[in-house]
């Protein structure tokens, strides 16, 4: 489990350290650095899987993240033409990487001693990992991949292998009994997924048909005794939520989940329930890092803490904002704390306070 991340000369940050806990929430205005934190982790994983991280440099473009060139990755006001990342894990392992920026080639090459080989056993680099980006699947037919699904149990960054994953592992029991839904018919992954999806859209049933010739899985939904409906004829929220619910329920303790905008296309109740589910996952030994703009997601987490489902010390809130300094706007991070009653100790301007601001203006 990641304890901290340090960024040097990376994108918006000249120097920034962040604490991580079982549940880490990144929030703030647009273009203030939230995504850069996730991208730092994804760059390291992507570079490792392309065989570059411990030998040559960074893979700036790939399936997980596309940065562009070295110039795009380098902090604009960098005094030294190098980028650094440092991760400290809960077991004491430490990985440190520094990359030199070659201005002519616009590349980033490894400029320090490679990190110890044992750090690459962490979930960030292994199969106990899922990343779901903001742009997730909304298709009637989802892709199949024996390599990603059967060998590495991955859902794909866009959730494109979710149906194939469920088709193969849906009959297996979920690893964490504490994540079981009280109204599920059994502990099987598919029954648990349907029960949790029912918190978003009551009565949801999932139907999967593999098309081996076309290399696709037909995904349909039904409600009770209703007909089966294509995913394209069901609300966006269902398709955007399904990969998250599958990722959480299929995760083993020690898994790292990076999730962008878990609230996408969900009504407020669904967002709150999503926050509770993610908090419950964090209480089961799964590390969850989410980027969100939703006060309902935050409140779902607060309610989980208030209800004793998650220790407040296992939550870190990071609020990203941009401040003017010497005619330049720089990103900074404020980290409010949450107590056992779910109360937050400080509310910096812009931290999930727009509803109150709007109501005050109306009054």
Protein backbone atom coordinates (compact mmCIF):
# COMPACT_ATOMS: atom_id res chain seq x y z
CA UNK A 1 0.00 0.00 0.00
CA UNK A 2 1.34 3.41 -0.97
CA UNK A 3 2.06 5.75 1.94
CA UNK A 4 3.33 8.79 0.08
CA UNK A 5 4.14 10.18 -3.35
CA UNK A 6 6.61 12.95 -4.08
CA UNK A 7 6.69 14.84 -7.37
CA UNK A 8 9.54 17.04 -8.59
CA UNK A 9 9.30 19.24 -11.69
CA UNK A 10 6.35 17.25 -13.00
CA UNK A 11 3.76 19.18 -14.97
CA UNK A 12 2.18 21.77 -12.62
CA UNK A 13 4.37 20.89 -9.64
CA UNK A 14 7.88 22.05 -8.88
CA UNK A 15 7.84 20.15 -5.58
CA UNK A 16 4.85 18.38 -4.06
CA UNK A 17 4.46 15.57 -1.53
CA UNK A 18 1.17 13.81 -0.87
CA UNK A 19 0.16 11.36 1.85
CA UNK A 20 -1.84 8.32 0.74
CA UNK A 21 -4.08 6.13 2.86
CA UNK A 22 -6.43 3.20 2.12
CA UNK A 23 -8.84 5.80 0.70
CA UNK A 24 -7.37 8.91 -0.91
CA UNK A 25 -9.66 11.52 -2.46
CA UNK A 26 -8.38 14.11 -4.94
CA UNK A 27 -10.62 17.11 -5.56
CA UNK A 28 -10.36 20.70 -6.76
CA UNK A 29 -10.96 23.04 -9.67
CA UNK A 30 -10.20 21.96 -13.22
CA UNK A 31 -6.56 21.98 -14.37
CA UNK A 32 -5.10 22.30 -10.88
CA UNK A 33 -3.10 19.06 -10.82
CA UNK A 34 -5.44 16.26 -9.68
CA UNK A 35 -4.97 14.23 -12.84
CA UNK A 36 -1.21 14.82 -12.73
CA UNK A 37 -1.03 12.81 -9.50
CA UNK A 38 -2.75 9.84 -11.12
CA UNK A 39 -0.66 10.29 -14.26
CA UNK A 40 2.55 10.07 -12.24
CA UNK A 41 1.55 6.64 -10.95
CA UNK A 42 0.32 5.54 -14.37
CA UNK A 43 3.54 6.70 -16.04
CA UNK A 44 5.60 4.55 -13.71
CA UNK A 45 3.41 1.51 -14.32
CA UNK A 46 3.26 2.09 -18.07
CA UNK A 47 7.02 2.55 -18.33
CA UNK A 48 7.66 -0.59 -16.29
CA UNK A 49 5.40 -2.71 -18.50
CA UNK A 50 7.10 -1.35 -21.61
CA UNK A 51 10.42 -2.47 -20.14
CA UNK A 52 11.85 1.05 -19.86
CA UNK A 53 11.54 2.15 -16.23
CA UNK A 54 14.48 0.26 -14.74
CA UNK A 55 16.74 0.64 -17.77
CA UNK A 56 16.26 3.70 -19.96
CA UNK A 57 13.46 6.17 -19.21
CA UNK A 58 9.76 7.02 -19.25
CA UNK A 59 7.18 5.75 -21.70
CA UNK A 60 5.26 8.99 -22.02
CA UNK A 61 2.59 7.58 -24.30
CA UNK A 62 0.74 4.29 -24.09
CA UNK A 63 -2.52 2.57 -23.17
CA UNK A 64 -2.76 4.07 -19.69
CA UNK A 65 -1.71 7.67 -20.27
CA UNK A 66 -0.57 9.95 -23.10
CA UNK A 67 1.53 12.91 -21.96
CA UNK A 68 3.05 13.93 -25.29
CA UNK A 69 6.72 14.93 -25.17
CA UNK A 70 9.23 15.46 -22.39
CA UNK A 71 8.53 19.18 -22.60
CA UNK A 72 4.86 18.51 -21.80
CA UNK A 73 5.86 16.57 -18.69
CA UNK A 74 8.47 19.03 -17.40
CA UNK A 75 7.42 21.78 -14.96
CA UNK A 76 7.44 25.05 -16.88
CA UNK A 77 9.64 26.89 -14.38
CA UNK A 78 12.02 24.00 -13.66
CA UNK A 79 15.45 25.17 -12.51
CA UNK A 80 16.88 21.73 -13.26
CA UNK A 81 15.95 19.91 -16.45
CA UNK A 82 14.89 16.73 -14.70
CA UNK A 83 11.73 15.10 -13.34
CA UNK A 84 11.62 13.06 -10.15
CA UNK A 85 9.19 10.62 -8.56
CA UNK A 86 9.45 9.01 -5.14
CA UNK A 87 7.06 6.47 -3.63
CA UNK A 88 7.20 5.11 -0.09
CA UNK A 89 5.13 2.01 0.65
CA UNK A 90 3.60 0.99 3.98
CA UNK A 91 6.05 -1.92 4.31
CA UNK A 92 8.98 0.50 4.17
CA UNK A 93 9.96 -0.08 0.55
CA UNK A 94 11.04 3.06 -1.29
CA UNK A 95 11.24 3.69 -5.00
CA UNK A 96 12.96 6.77 -6.35
CA UNK A 97 13.33 7.68 -10.02
CA UNK A 98 14.88 10.70 -11.69
CA UNK A 99 14.72 11.41 -15.42
CA UNK A 100 16.83 13.87 -17.38
CA UNK A 101 15.10 16.00 -20.01
CA UNK A 102 16.84 15.97 -23.37
CA UNK A 103 15.71 19.20 -25.03
CA UNK A 104 16.79 18.23 -28.55
CA UNK A 105 14.98 14.89 -28.55
CA UNK A 106 12.27 16.06 -26.11
CA UNK A 107 12.71 12.76 -24.27
CA UNK A 108 13.15 11.76 -20.64
CA UNK A 109 15.97 9.33 -19.89
CA UNK A 110 16.81 7.61 -16.61
CA UNK A 111 19.35 9.75 -14.78
CA UNK A 112 19.65 7.88 -11.47
CA UNK A 113 20.36 4.41 -10.15
CA UNK A 114 17.37 2.16 -10.89
CA UNK A 115 15.02 1.54 -7.98
CA UNK A 116 15.52 -1.76 -6.08
CA UNK A 117 13.94 -4.71 -7.81
CA UNK A 118 11.68 -5.48 -4.82
CA UNK A 119 9.65 -2.30 -5.37
CA UNK A 120 8.36 -3.77 -8.62
CA UNK A 121 6.51 -6.42 -6.62
CA UNK A 122 4.10 -3.72 -5.41
CA UNK A 123 0.50 -3.69 -6.67
CA UNK A 124 1.25 -0.59 -8.75
CA UNK A 125 3.29 -2.77 -11.09
CA UNK A 126 1.48 -6.12 -10.76
CA UNK A 127 -1.89 -7.68 -11.52
CA UNK A 128 -3.56 -6.52 -8.28
CA UNK A 129 -4.28 -3.21 -9.94
CA UNK A 130 -7.11 -1.54 -11.83
CA UNK A 131 -7.29 1.88 -13.43
CA UNK A 132 -10.61 3.21 -14.73
CA UNK A 133 -10.46 6.52 -16.55
CA UNK A 134 -13.27 9.05 -16.82
CA UNK A 135 -14.15 7.97 -20.37
CA UNK A 136 -15.60 4.51 -19.76
CA UNK A 137 -17.59 2.10 -21.89
CA UNK A 138 -21.04 2.76 -23.33
CA UNK A 139 -21.38 0.02 -25.94
CA UNK A 140 -23.70 -2.88 -26.60
CA UNK A 141 -20.74 -5.13 -27.42
CA UNK A 142 -17.60 -5.10 -25.29
CA UNK A 143 -14.18 -6.37 -26.25
CA UNK A 144 -12.61 -9.70 -25.31
CA UNK A 145 -8.98 -10.21 -24.37
CA UNK A 146 -7.68 -13.52 -23.07
CA UNK A 147 -4.34 -11.84 -22.28
CA UNK A 148 -5.76 -8.97 -20.23
CA UNK A 149 -8.67 -10.82 -18.62
CA UNK A 150 -7.67 -14.46 -18.22
CA UNK A 151 -3.94 -13.96 -17.63
CA UNK A 152 -3.89 -10.62 -15.79
CA UNK A 153 -7.51 -10.09 -14.61
CA UNK A 154 -7.60 -6.54 -15.99
CA UNK A 155 -10.77 -4.65 -16.94
CA UNK A 156 -9.03 -2.16 -19.24
CA UNK A 157 -8.63 1.56 -18.62
CA UNK A 158 -11.99 2.24 -20.29
CA UNK A 159 -13.65 -0.79 -18.71
CA UNK A 160 -13.73 -2.36 -22.17
CA UNK A 161 -13.11 -5.90 -20.84
CA UNK A 162 -15.67 -5.75 -18.02
CA UNK A 163 -18.22 -8.00 -19.74
CA UNK A 164 -15.53 -10.54 -20.67
CA UNK A 165 -14.29 -10.48 -17.06
CA UNK A 166 -17.81 -11.08 -15.69
CA UNK A 167 -18.43 -13.81 -18.25
CA UNK A 168 -15.37 -15.72 -17.02
CA UNK A 169 -15.33 -14.95 -13.29
CA UNK A 170 -18.96 -14.15 -12.53
CA UNK A 171 -19.60 -17.52 -10.88
CA UNK A 172 -16.66 -17.18 -8.48
CA UNK A 173 -17.25 -15.87 -4.96
CA UNK A 174 -16.01 -12.37 -4.20
CA UNK A 175 -12.76 -12.28 -2.17
CA UNK A 176 -14.06 -9.93 0.55
CA UNK A 177 -17.16 -11.07 2.44
CA UNK A 178 -17.39 -7.62 4.07
CA UNK A 179 -18.27 -6.23 0.64
CA UNK A 180 -21.24 -8.56 0.24
CA UNK A 181 -24.59 -6.92 -0.34
CA UNK A 182 -27.28 -8.10 2.12
CA UNK A 183 -29.85 -8.62 -0.65
CA UNK A 184 -27.61 -10.58 -3.02
CA UNK A 185 -28.72 -14.11 -3.86
CA UNK A 186 -25.23 -15.53 -3.28
CA UNK A 187 -21.59 -14.54 -2.81
CA UNK A 188 -20.88 -14.96 -6.53
CA UNK A 189 -19.39 -11.96 -8.29
CA UNK A 190 -22.29 -11.58 -10.73
CA UNK A 191 -24.97 -11.75 -8.03
CA UNK A 192 -23.06 -9.28 -5.87
CA UNK A 193 -22.55 -6.92 -8.82
CA UNK A 194 -26.27 -7.05 -9.65
CA UNK A 195 -27.18 -6.32 -6.03
CA UNK A 196 -24.85 -3.33 -5.78
CA UNK A 197 -25.96 -2.08 -9.20
CA UNK A 198 -29.48 -2.20 -7.76
CA UNK A 199 -28.47 0.69 -5.50
CA UNK A 200 -28.16 2.76 -8.68
CA UNK A 201 -31.00 1.22 -10.67
CA UNK A 202 -33.22 -1.18 -8.66
CA UNK A 203 -33.81 -4.67 -10.04
CA UNK A 204 -30.82 -4.68 -12.39
CA UNK A 205 -29.98 -8.05 -13.97
CA UNK A 206 -27.00 -8.59 -16.26
CA UNK A 207 -26.99 -10.91 -19.29
CA UNK A 208 -23.79 -11.84 -21.13
CA UNK A 209 -23.31 -13.72 -24.38
CA UNK A 210 -19.83 -14.34 -25.78
CA UNK A 211 -19.33 -14.06 -29.53
CA UNK A 212 -16.08 -15.96 -29.96
CA UNK A 213 -16.01 -15.42 -33.72
CA UNK A 214 -16.26 -11.65 -33.41
CA UNK A 215 -14.18 -11.46 -30.25
CA UNK A 216 -16.92 -9.56 -28.39
CA UNK A 217 -19.34 -10.02 -25.51
CA UNK A 218 -22.95 -8.95 -25.89
CA UNK A 219 -24.03 -7.07 -22.74
CA UNK A 220 -27.73 -6.71 -21.95
CA UNK A 221 -29.76 -5.67 -18.90
CA UNK A 222 -33.21 -6.58 -17.63
CA UNK A 223 -35.41 -5.60 -14.69
CA UNK A 224 -37.43 -8.34 -13.05
CA UNK A 225 -39.63 -9.94 -15.70
CA UNK A 226 -38.86 -7.28 -18.32
CA UNK A 227 -37.30 -7.87 -21.71
CA UNK A 228 -33.54 -7.69 -22.16
CA UNK A 229 -32.23 -4.30 -23.23
CA UNK A 230 -29.01 -3.41 -25.02
CA UNK A 231 -26.57 -1.31 -22.99
CA UNK A 232 -27.08 1.49 -25.52
CA UNK A 233 -30.77 1.61 -24.55
CA UNK A 234 -30.04 1.94 -20.82
CA UNK A 235 -28.98 5.11 -19.02
CA UNK A 236 -25.36 6.18 -19.22
CA UNK A 237 -24.97 5.79 -15.45
CA UNK A 238 -25.31 2.00 -15.61
CA UNK A 239 -22.53 1.54 -18.16
CA UNK A 240 -20.24 3.99 -16.39
CA UNK A 241 -20.83 2.39 -12.99
CA UNK A 242 -20.55 -1.29 -13.92
CA UNK A 243 -16.71 -1.39 -14.34
CA UNK A 244 -16.22 0.31 -10.95
CA UNK A 245 -18.52 -2.09 -9.12
CA UNK A 246 -16.85 -5.10 -10.78
CA UNK A 247 -13.37 -3.76 -10.00
CA UNK A 248 -14.21 -3.20 -6.33
CA UNK A 249 -15.98 -6.52 -5.74
CA UNK A 250 -13.34 -8.58 -7.58
CA UNK A 251 -10.41 -6.91 -5.80
CA UNK A 252 -8.29 -8.92 -3.40
CA UNK A 253 -6.76 -7.31 -0.31
CA UNK A 254 -3.66 -5.42 -1.38
CA UNK A 255 -5.17 -4.31 -4.69
CA UNK A 256 -4.67 -0.72 -5.85
CA UNK A 257 -7.67 0.94 -7.56
CA UNK A 258 -7.28 4.27 -9.38
CA UNK A 259 -10.69 5.64 -10.39
CA UNK A 260 -11.55 8.86 -12.18
CA UNK A 261 -14.95 10.47 -11.65
CA UNK A 262 -16.84 7.56 -10.06
CA UNK A 263 -19.87 9.87 -9.96
CA UNK A 264 -20.13 10.17 -13.75
CA UNK A 265 -23.79 10.08 -14.94
CA UNK A 266 -25.08 8.97 -11.52
CA UNK A 267 -27.98 10.61 -9.69
CA UNK A 268 -27.15 11.99 -6.19
CA UNK A 269 -28.31 8.89 -4.30
CA UNK A 270 -26.23 6.66 -6.55
CA UNK A 271 -23.20 8.90 -6.02
CA UNK A 272 -23.57 8.70 -2.25
CA UNK A 273 -23.88 4.92 -2.40
CA UNK A 274 -20.80 4.78 -4.61
CA UNK A 275 -18.89 6.75 -1.96
CA UNK A 276 -19.99 4.26 0.69
CA UNK A 277 -18.95 1.28 -1.45
CA UNK A 278 -15.49 2.76 -2.09
CA UNK A 279 -15.11 3.48 1.62
CA UNK A 280 -16.13 -0.08 2.45
CA UNK A 281 -13.55 -1.39 -0.04
CA UNK A 282 -10.86 0.70 1.66
CA UNK A 283 -11.77 -0.92 4.98
CA UNK A 284 -11.09 -4.36 3.46
CA UNK A 285 -7.42 -3.86 2.64
CA UNK A 286 -7.97 -2.42 -0.83
CA UNK A 287 -6.27 0.89 -1.58
CA UNK A 288 -8.61 3.26 -3.40
CA UNK A 289 -7.50 6.53 -5.01
CA UNK A 290 -10.29 8.55 -6.58
CA UNK A 291 -10.48 11.83 -8.45
CA UNK A 292 -13.89 13.42 -8.02
CA UNK A 293 -15.90 16.63 -8.27
CA UNK A 294 -18.84 15.20 -6.34
CA UNK A 295 -19.85 16.35 -2.86
CA UNK A 296 -22.16 13.30 -2.80
CA UNK A 297 -19.18 10.96 -3.17
CA UNK A 298 -17.46 12.80 -0.32
CA UNK A 299 -20.59 12.66 1.83
CA UNK A 300 -20.96 8.93 1.18
CA UNK A 301 -17.43 8.48 2.51
CA UNK A 302 -18.19 10.72 5.50
CA UNK A 303 -21.29 8.66 6.28
CA UNK A 304 -19.24 5.45 6.13
CA UNK A 305 -16.79 6.95 8.63
CA UNK A 306 -19.65 8.22 10.80
CA UNK A 307 -21.20 4.74 10.76
CA UNK A 308 -17.96 3.11 11.89
CA UNK A 309 -17.35 1.34 8.56
CA UNK A 310 -14.02 3.10 7.98
CA UNK A 311 -11.45 4.55 10.37
CA UNK A 312 -11.00 8.31 9.77
CA UNK A 313 -7.22 7.82 9.89
CA UNK A 314 -7.60 5.66 6.77
CA UNK A 315 -8.90 8.62 4.73
CA UNK A 316 -6.86 11.41 3.11
CA UNK A 317 -8.54 14.35 1.42
CA UNK A 318 -6.47 16.49 -0.94
CA UNK A 319 -7.92 19.70 -2.38
CA UNK A 320 -6.05 21.23 -5.33
CA UNK A 321 -6.23 24.95 -6.00
CA UNK A 322 -4.31 27.57 -7.93
CA UNK A 323 -2.83 30.61 -6.17
CA UNK A 324 -1.15 33.68 -7.65
CA UNK A 325 2.48 34.16 -6.70
CA UNK A 326 4.79 36.75 -8.29
CA UNK A 327 2.55 37.22 -11.35
CA UNK A 328 2.39 33.44 -11.81
CA UNK A 329 -0.41 31.05 -10.91
CA UNK A 330 0.89 27.97 -9.09
CA UNK A 331 -0.97 24.87 -7.92
CA UNK A 332 -1.01 24.02 -4.24
CA UNK A 333 -2.62 21.31 -2.17
CA UNK A 334 -4.67 21.69 1.02
CA UNK A 335 -5.46 18.52 2.99
CA UNK A 336 -8.49 18.77 5.31
CA UNK A 337 -8.95 16.06 7.95
CA UNK A 338 -12.03 14.03 8.78
CA UNK A 339 -12.97 12.96 12.32
CA UNK A 340 -14.86 9.93 13.65
CA UNK A 341 -18.18 11.71 13.31
CA UNK A 342 -17.54 12.37 9.62
CA UNK A 343 -16.92 16.07 10.22
CA UNK A 344 -14.22 17.91 8.27
CA UNK A 345 -11.93 20.24 10.18
CA UNK A 346 -11.64 22.99 7.55
CA UNK A 347 -13.32 24.00 4.34
CA UNK A 348 -10.97 26.01 2.13
CA UNK A 349 -12.66 28.22 -0.43
CA UNK A 350 -13.88 26.06 -3.30
CA UNK A 351 -13.84 22.78 -1.38
CA UNK A 352 -17.29 21.32 -2.10
CA UNK A 353 -18.96 24.56 -1.01
CA UNK A 354 -20.75 25.67 -4.17
CA UNK A 355 -24.21 24.54 -3.00
CA UNK A 356 -23.93 26.71 0.12
CA UNK A 357 -22.63 29.64 -1.91
CA UNK A 358 -25.50 29.39 -4.38
CA UNK A 359 -28.09 29.08 -1.60
CA UNK A 360 -26.67 32.10 0.19
CA UNK A 361 -26.92 34.13 -3.00
CA UNK A 362 -30.53 33.00 -3.54
CA UNK A 363 -31.40 33.97 0.02
